[in-house]
Protein backbone atom coordinates (compact mmCIF):
# COMPACT_ATOMS: atom_id res chain seq x y z
CA MET A 1 -189.37 14.44 -27.37
CA SER A 2 -187.18 13.28 -29.94
CA GLU A 3 -183.15 13.26 -29.69
CA TYR A 4 -181.21 14.11 -32.58
CA ASN A 5 -177.89 12.11 -32.64
CA PHE A 6 -174.95 14.75 -34.06
CA ASP A 7 -172.00 12.42 -34.64
CA TYR A 8 -168.49 13.95 -35.51
CA LEU A 9 -169.02 13.98 -39.00
CA ASP A 10 -172.03 16.22 -38.65
CA GLU A 11 -169.54 18.63 -36.66
CA LEU A 12 -166.54 18.68 -39.18
CA GLU A 13 -169.20 19.13 -42.02
CA ALA A 14 -171.35 22.31 -39.85
CA GLU A 15 -167.65 23.84 -39.30
CA ALA A 16 -166.81 23.29 -43.01
CA ILE A 17 -170.21 25.14 -44.11
CA HIS A 18 -169.44 27.78 -41.97
CA ILE A 19 -166.32 28.43 -43.25
CA LEU A 20 -167.68 28.32 -46.98
CA ARG A 21 -170.61 30.61 -45.87
CA GLU A 22 -167.89 33.08 -44.30
CA VAL A 23 -165.87 33.23 -47.53
CA ALA A 24 -169.39 33.79 -49.40
CA GLY A 25 -170.30 36.65 -47.19
CA GLN A 26 -166.60 38.35 -46.59
CA PHE A 27 -164.76 38.15 -50.32
CA GLU A 28 -166.11 39.64 -53.80
CA LYS A 29 -164.56 37.07 -55.89
CA PRO A 30 -163.72 33.96 -54.27
CA ALA A 31 -162.86 30.40 -56.39
CA LEU A 32 -163.14 27.04 -55.38
CA LEU A 33 -159.70 25.02 -56.63
CA PHE A 34 -160.84 21.76 -58.12
CA SER A 35 -158.43 19.04 -59.06
CA GLY A 36 -160.84 15.92 -59.44
CA GLY A 37 -159.31 14.67 -56.14
CA LYS A 38 -161.34 13.20 -53.44
CA ASP A 39 -160.71 16.42 -51.45
CA SER A 40 -162.20 19.01 -53.68
CA ILE A 41 -164.36 16.58 -54.58
CA THR A 42 -166.18 16.61 -51.06
CA LEU A 43 -165.89 20.22 -51.31
CA VAL A 44 -168.35 20.14 -54.15
CA ARG A 45 -170.40 18.70 -52.02
CA LEU A 46 -170.29 20.52 -48.98
CA ALA A 47 -171.20 23.49 -50.92
CA GLU A 48 -174.00 21.88 -52.67
CA LYS A 49 -175.09 21.51 -48.79
CA ALA A 50 -174.01 25.23 -48.09
CA PHE A 51 -175.72 27.26 -51.02
CA ARG A 52 -178.57 24.92 -52.57
CA PRO A 53 -181.06 25.48 -54.07
CA GLY A 54 -178.92 28.71 -55.28
CA LYS A 55 -176.00 28.79 -57.73
CA PHE A 56 -172.42 28.63 -55.84
CA PRO A 57 -171.39 32.13 -55.26
CA PHE A 58 -168.08 30.97 -56.77
CA PRO A 59 -166.29 29.27 -59.93
CA LEU A 60 -164.54 26.01 -60.06
CA VAL A 61 -160.70 26.56 -61.15
CA HIS A 62 -158.93 23.76 -62.38
CA ILE A 63 -155.38 24.47 -62.78
CA ASP A 64 -154.51 21.49 -65.51
CA THR A 65 -150.79 20.56 -66.19
CA GLY A 66 -152.09 18.87 -69.27
CA HIS A 67 -150.29 15.56 -67.49
CA ASN A 68 -153.63 14.38 -65.53
CA PHE A 69 -154.85 11.25 -65.08
CA GLN A 70 -157.95 10.87 -68.22
CA GLU A 71 -160.10 9.06 -65.37
CA THR A 72 -159.79 12.47 -63.35
CA ILE A 73 -160.88 14.84 -66.26
CA ASP A 74 -163.67 12.84 -67.44
CA TYR A 75 -164.97 12.63 -63.95
CA ARG A 76 -164.56 16.65 -63.92
CA ASP A 77 -166.27 17.24 -67.08
CA GLN A 78 -169.39 14.96 -65.83
CA MET A 79 -169.38 16.48 -62.67
CA VAL A 80 -169.44 19.74 -63.89
CA GLU A 81 -172.07 19.16 -66.12
CA ARG A 82 -174.16 17.66 -63.83
CA ILE A 83 -174.09 20.43 -61.03
CA GLY A 84 -174.33 23.19 -63.60
CA GLU A 85 -171.47 25.44 -62.28
CA ARG A 86 -168.80 27.09 -64.09
CA LEU A 87 -165.58 25.61 -64.73
CA ILE A 88 -162.14 27.71 -65.33
CA VAL A 89 -159.03 25.68 -66.58
CA GLY A 90 -155.89 27.04 -66.35
CA SER A 91 -153.46 25.11 -68.38
CA VAL A 92 -149.95 24.60 -67.56
CA GLN A 93 -149.45 24.05 -71.31
CA ASP A 94 -149.91 27.78 -72.28
CA SER A 95 -147.66 28.89 -69.65
CA ILE A 96 -145.17 26.83 -71.13
CA ASN A 97 -145.96 28.28 -74.83
CA ASP A 98 -145.82 31.36 -73.29
CA GLY A 99 -142.45 31.24 -71.92
CA LYS A 100 -143.53 32.02 -68.19
CA VAL A 101 -142.34 28.44 -67.43
CA VAL A 102 -139.55 25.90 -68.60
CA GLU A 103 -140.55 22.26 -68.79
CA GLN A 104 -138.48 20.26 -66.92
CA THR A 105 -136.14 17.66 -68.16
CA GLY A 106 -134.39 14.56 -66.77
CA LYS A 107 -135.59 11.23 -65.56
CA ASN A 108 -137.81 12.97 -62.70
CA ALA A 109 -139.00 15.66 -64.61
CA SER A 110 -142.73 17.04 -63.78
CA ARG A 111 -144.99 19.60 -64.49
CA ASN A 112 -146.21 19.77 -60.34
CA SER A 113 -144.41 22.70 -59.52
CA LEU A 114 -145.01 24.55 -62.60
CA GLN A 115 -148.65 24.87 -61.64
CA THR A 116 -147.85 27.90 -59.24
CA ILE A 117 -146.92 30.13 -62.25
CA THR A 118 -150.43 29.14 -63.88
CA LEU A 119 -152.51 29.26 -60.45
CA LEU A 120 -151.48 32.62 -60.07
CA ASP A 121 -151.67 34.05 -63.32
CA THR A 122 -155.42 32.56 -63.16
CA ILE A 123 -156.05 34.31 -60.01
CA ALA A 124 -154.96 37.51 -61.18
CA LYS A 125 -156.19 37.35 -64.61
CA TYR A 126 -159.91 36.45 -62.88
CA GLU A 127 -158.93 39.19 -59.72
CA PHE A 128 -159.76 36.18 -57.34
CA ASP A 129 -159.44 37.52 -53.92
CA ALA A 130 -159.93 33.97 -52.20
CA CYS A 131 -159.30 30.63 -53.49
CA ILE A 132 -160.70 27.48 -51.69
CA GLY A 133 -158.80 24.46 -51.50
CA GLY A 134 -158.82 21.01 -49.81
CA ALA A 135 -155.92 20.99 -47.99
CA ARG A 136 -155.80 19.09 -44.80
CA ARG A 137 -153.71 19.41 -41.90
CA ASP A 138 -152.76 15.63 -41.52
CA GLU A 139 -151.43 15.05 -44.87
CA GLU A 140 -148.10 17.18 -44.41
CA LYS A 141 -146.02 19.28 -41.81
CA ALA A 142 -146.46 22.59 -43.43
CA ARG A 143 -150.18 22.21 -44.27
CA ALA A 144 -150.26 21.29 -40.25
CA LYS A 145 -149.21 24.73 -39.14
CA GLU A 146 -151.42 26.57 -41.92
CA ARG A 147 -154.35 28.49 -40.60
CA ILE A 148 -157.79 28.00 -42.21
CA PHE A 149 -157.98 31.59 -43.72
CA SER A 150 -154.32 31.69 -45.07
CA VAL A 151 -152.99 34.90 -46.20
CA ARG A 152 -151.09 35.45 -49.61
CA ASP A 153 -149.09 38.63 -50.48
CA GLU A 154 -149.19 40.16 -53.58
CA PHE A 155 -146.83 37.74 -54.96
CA GLY A 156 -148.77 35.02 -53.77
CA GLN A 157 -146.44 33.93 -51.50
CA TRP A 158 -147.35 32.43 -47.83
CA ASP A 159 -145.29 33.91 -44.96
CA PRO A 160 -145.93 31.54 -41.56
CA LYS A 161 -144.80 34.59 -39.15
CA ARG A 162 -147.82 36.48 -40.41
CA GLN A 163 -150.65 33.91 -39.90
CA ARG A 164 -153.63 35.41 -37.96
CA PRO A 165 -155.14 34.06 -34.83
CA GLU A 166 -158.58 31.97 -35.44
CA LEU A 167 -160.10 32.11 -32.18
CA TRP A 168 -163.79 30.70 -31.42
CA ASN A 169 -163.98 30.28 -35.05
CA ILE A 170 -163.87 33.96 -35.84
CA TYR A 171 -161.90 34.46 -39.42
CA ASN A 172 -160.41 37.47 -40.65
CA GLY A 173 -160.12 37.95 -44.38
CA ARG A 174 -159.43 41.26 -44.56
CA ILE A 175 -156.85 41.76 -46.91
CA HIS A 176 -155.12 44.70 -48.92
CA LYS A 177 -155.44 45.35 -52.63
CA GLY A 178 -153.13 42.47 -54.50
CA GLU A 179 -153.41 40.21 -51.86
CA ASN A 180 -155.71 37.03 -51.64
CA VAL A 181 -156.29 34.11 -48.96
CA ARG A 182 -156.08 30.70 -49.57
CA ILE A 183 -159.15 29.05 -47.52
CA PHE A 184 -159.21 25.50 -46.07
CA PRO A 185 -162.71 24.16 -45.07
CA ILE A 186 -161.61 20.75 -43.80
CA SER A 187 -158.06 21.67 -42.63
CA ASN A 188 -159.33 20.08 -39.89
CA TRP A 189 -160.50 16.36 -41.21
CA THR A 190 -158.32 13.68 -41.83
CA GLU A 191 -158.10 11.18 -44.70
CA LEU A 192 -160.12 8.57 -42.76
CA ASP A 193 -162.99 11.58 -42.17
CA VAL A 194 -162.77 12.40 -45.70
CA TRP A 195 -163.72 8.52 -46.72
CA ASN A 196 -166.34 8.24 -43.86
CA TYR A 197 -167.82 11.23 -45.32
CA ILE A 198 -167.65 9.93 -48.69
CA ARG A 199 -169.30 6.74 -47.88
CA ARG A 200 -172.17 8.31 -45.92
CA GLU A 201 -173.00 10.88 -48.52
CA LYS A 202 -172.66 8.05 -51.18
CA ILE A 203 -170.37 10.32 -53.28
CA GLU A 204 -169.32 9.05 -56.62
CA LEU A 205 -165.37 8.96 -57.07
CA PRO A 206 -163.01 8.51 -60.10
CA SER A 207 -162.02 5.10 -60.57
CA ILE A 208 -158.59 5.33 -59.91
CA TYR A 209 -159.28 5.27 -56.45
CA PHE A 210 -160.17 1.61 -56.34
CA SER A 211 -158.44 -1.53 -57.14
CA HIS A 212 -157.89 -1.71 -60.82
CA LYS A 213 -154.85 -3.59 -62.70
CA ARG A 214 -152.75 -1.13 -64.49
CA ASP A 215 -148.97 -0.93 -66.32
CA VAL A 216 -146.40 0.14 -63.72
CA ILE A 217 -142.83 0.69 -63.46
CA THR A 218 -141.02 1.44 -60.17
CA ARG A 219 -139.48 4.94 -59.94
CA ASN A 220 -137.63 5.93 -56.57
CA GLY A 221 -138.87 2.73 -55.03
CA GLN A 222 -142.70 3.63 -55.95
CA LEU A 223 -145.20 2.14 -58.33
CA MET A 224 -145.78 4.70 -60.70
CA ALA A 225 -148.03 4.07 -63.77
CA ALA A 226 -146.69 4.02 -67.34
CA SER A 227 -147.67 6.64 -69.11
CA PRO A 228 -146.10 9.21 -72.31
CA PHE A 229 -145.67 11.25 -69.37
CA LEU A 230 -142.61 9.85 -67.69
CA ASN A 231 -139.47 10.19 -69.07
CA MET A 232 -138.60 6.48 -68.95
CA ASP A 233 -135.74 4.57 -70.16
CA ASN A 234 -134.24 0.69 -70.90
CA GLU A 235 -134.23 0.77 -67.26
CA ASP A 236 -137.68 1.16 -66.33
CA ILE A 237 -139.53 -2.10 -66.77
CA VAL A 238 -143.22 -2.17 -67.22
CA PHE A 239 -145.33 -4.65 -65.41
CA ASN A 240 -148.53 -5.26 -64.42
CA LYS A 241 -150.11 -4.76 -60.93
CA GLN A 242 -153.41 -4.28 -59.06
CA VAL A 243 -153.07 -0.97 -57.61
CA ARG A 244 -155.22 2.02 -56.46
CA PHE A 245 -154.07 5.62 -55.97
CA ARG A 246 -154.98 7.56 -52.46
CA THR A 247 -154.37 10.76 -53.76
CA VAL A 248 -154.39 12.18 -56.89
CA GLY A 249 -152.05 14.61 -58.48
CA ASP A 250 -149.89 14.67 -61.93
CA MET A 251 -149.16 11.43 -63.17
CA SER A 252 -145.43 12.14 -63.40
CA CYS A 253 -145.41 12.75 -59.39
CA THR A 254 -148.24 10.76 -58.05
CA ALA A 255 -147.52 7.25 -56.85
CA ALA A 256 -149.64 3.92 -56.70
CA VAL A 257 -150.09 1.44 -53.90
CA GLU A 258 -150.43 -2.10 -54.15
CA SER A 259 -154.29 -2.53 -53.23
CA GLU A 260 -157.37 -5.45 -53.39
CA ALA A 261 -159.54 -2.59 -51.74
CA VAL A 262 -162.60 -2.33 -54.55
CA LEU A 263 -165.15 -1.02 -51.95
CA ILE A 264 -165.11 1.90 -50.17
CA ASP A 265 -165.21 -0.26 -46.59
CA ASP A 266 -162.30 -2.00 -48.06
CA ILE A 267 -160.56 1.34 -48.34
CA ILE A 268 -161.68 2.41 -45.08
CA SER A 269 -160.11 -0.73 -43.27
CA GLU A 270 -157.04 -0.15 -45.34
CA ILE A 271 -156.56 3.13 -44.76
CA SER A 272 -156.81 2.23 -40.63
CA ALA A 273 -154.18 -0.28 -40.65
CA SER A 274 -151.79 2.12 -42.86
CA LYS A 275 -148.68 3.91 -40.87
CA ILE A 276 -147.80 6.06 -43.99
CA SER A 277 -149.85 9.28 -44.74
CA GLU A 278 -151.16 9.31 -48.03
CA ARG A 279 -148.84 12.46 -49.29
CA GLY A 280 -146.25 9.41 -48.77
CA ALA A 281 -147.25 8.81 -52.40
CA ARG A 282 -146.24 12.12 -53.62
CA LEU A 283 -142.67 12.11 -55.46
CA ASP A 284 -143.05 16.06 -55.15
CA ASP A 285 -143.22 16.20 -51.66
CA LYS A 286 -139.83 13.92 -51.54
CA VAL A 287 -137.53 16.73 -53.21
CA SER A 288 -136.22 17.96 -49.80
CA GLU A 289 -137.41 18.21 -46.33
CA ALA A 290 -139.25 21.15 -46.61
CA ALA A 291 -140.67 20.80 -50.21
CA MET A 292 -144.06 21.63 -49.18
CA GLU A 293 -143.28 24.49 -47.19
CA ASP A 294 -141.41 26.09 -50.10
CA ARG A 295 -143.67 25.61 -52.52
CA LYS A 296 -146.34 27.28 -50.29
CA LYS A 297 -143.62 29.70 -49.92
CA GLY A 298 -143.33 30.66 -53.82
CA GLY A 299 -147.36 30.92 -54.22
CA TYR A 300 -148.29 26.95 -54.09
CA PHE A 301 -151.82 25.74 -53.02
């Protein structure tokens, strides 16, 4: 009698696929939030395993700040063409042009927080009742206490006190009209789990995840990619460094880390030895102790 080896990645994968199928079964108009980062790319692979050979029962939605890494946008477009799924793009620039948000000024200005209004407008426009995201509990303390099915009110706001119990992998997606649910199928994964899964599945990623030479400046003790989206002045000295990015977001708030890791095995070794969370390279999380929770309460991802 043959023996099937069901390792921990298989267990995590099975749980995520179960959650994705629950979304398809419980909601009328779900969407998968896609940033071009490793976590949302992993979600796309899981969706392929959950629903192929059929089409996804939801479109991909990208909230585009206009300040993204070009490598991420190129990867997004190539991936969408390869998998043949629908992509909806919500533009922060359109929100600015329409007067719905005001662009920040100052040296540390970023469009990251402006995404919330664009996201909520996109949800309302397409009447999405569920949005699948790649957030994980190990990333940040606010995400650590959020449920897999996270109910948001009619204003997109998250109330930690209204969270529902999730016993025995039973997920309650019942909502009132106007509400929606944010769903996190890989909430129980760690950064290392994601990279081990990417290695096992041979998933291609944007090149910025691997070591490369890039012009950077030092901002608030972090290495930031020199770009037109940073408000640089005479104090900012541009120099070249061998770096990679552990997390991918808006260029104005995503810092690089010094790294020689050019292979996935190198990255896994690097992460295993690291004592800093990948969100440690996100300046938007350093605004205050409760920065992420405050953004979530306002409707953020």
